[in-house]
Protein backbone atom coordinates (compact mmCIF):
# COMPACT_ATOMS: atom_id res chain seq x y z
CA MET A 1 11.32 55.56 -78.19
CA SER A 2 7.65 56.33 -77.80
CA VAL A 3 5.12 53.69 -76.82
CA THR A 4 3.40 54.19 -80.17
CA GLU A 5 6.64 53.57 -82.05
CA LEU A 6 7.37 50.47 -79.94
CA ALA A 7 3.90 49.08 -80.65
CA ASP A 8 4.37 49.64 -84.37
CA LYS A 9 7.82 48.05 -84.46
CA VAL A 10 6.76 45.05 -82.34
CA GLY A 11 3.53 44.59 -84.26
CA ILE A 12 1.04 44.71 -81.40
CA THR A 13 -1.73 47.13 -80.54
CA MET A 14 -1.35 50.19 -78.35
CA ALA A 15 -3.85 48.61 -75.97
CA ASN A 16 -1.61 45.56 -75.52
CA ILE A 17 1.50 47.71 -75.06
CA SER A 18 -0.40 49.70 -72.45
CA VAL A 19 -1.34 46.52 -70.56
CA LEU A 20 2.31 45.44 -70.56
CA LYS A 21 3.59 48.91 -69.63
CA ASN A 22 1.19 49.25 -66.70
CA GLY A 23 2.00 45.81 -65.29
CA LYS A 24 -1.53 44.50 -65.81
CA ALA A 25 -0.62 41.62 -68.14
CA LYS A 26 -1.22 38.12 -66.83
CA ALA A 27 0.87 36.57 -69.60
CA ILE A 28 2.97 37.45 -72.62
CA ARG A 29 3.56 35.40 -75.74
CA LEU A 30 7.17 34.39 -76.18
CA SER A 31 7.04 35.72 -79.74
CA THR A 32 5.95 39.12 -78.39
CA LEU A 33 8.68 39.09 -75.76
CA GLU A 34 11.21 38.17 -78.44
CA ALA A 35 10.03 41.00 -80.69
CA ILE A 36 10.22 43.53 -77.85
CA CYS A 37 13.75 42.39 -76.98
CA LYS A 38 14.84 42.66 -80.63
CA VAL A 39 13.42 46.16 -80.97
CA LEU A 40 14.91 47.34 -77.66
CA ASP A 41 18.15 45.36 -78.10
CA CYS A 42 17.83 43.85 -74.62
CA GLN A 43 17.40 40.57 -72.76
CA PRO A 44 14.09 39.46 -71.18
CA GLY A 45 15.57 39.96 -67.71
CA ASP A 46 16.14 43.61 -68.54
CA ILE A 47 12.41 44.25 -68.87
CA LEU A 48 10.76 41.57 -66.71
CA GLU A 49 10.46 41.54 -62.95
CA TYR A 50 9.31 38.65 -60.79
CA GLU A 51 6.42 39.47 -58.47
CA ASP A 52 5.10 36.93 -55.99
CA SER A 53 1.41 36.54 -56.71
CA THR A 54 0.56 33.65 -54.38
CA GLU A 55 -2.45 35.57 -53.10
CA ASN A 56 -3.98 35.43 -56.59
CA THR A 57 -2.99 31.85 -57.36
CA ILE A 58 -5.71 29.34 -58.09
CA ASN A 59 -4.92 25.88 -56.78
CA TYR A 60 -6.19 23.37 -59.31
CA PRO A 61 -6.54 19.69 -58.43
CA LYS A 62 -3.68 17.50 -59.61
CA ARG A 63 -6.08 15.22 -61.42
CA LEU A 64 -9.49 16.16 -62.74
CA PRO A 65 -12.24 13.65 -62.13
CA PHE A 66 -13.51 12.09 -65.35
CA SER A 67 -16.43 9.76 -65.69
CA LYS A 68 -16.16 6.97 -68.21
CA THR A 69 -19.28 6.62 -70.30
């Protein structure tokens, strides 16, 4: 199946398919993942791969300071 056909069947733009295909996506909507799996007749684990990105992780404080006014 071509990337263009996949984009059409999933209902997302070619630009977004390209981002996913090239591994540049930071996130994916579950509805998009579900649609891709339906079209490709696969499970998420068949198309996703875990990559440790601790070098790019932002450590946020556990509690944000708020001032009461």
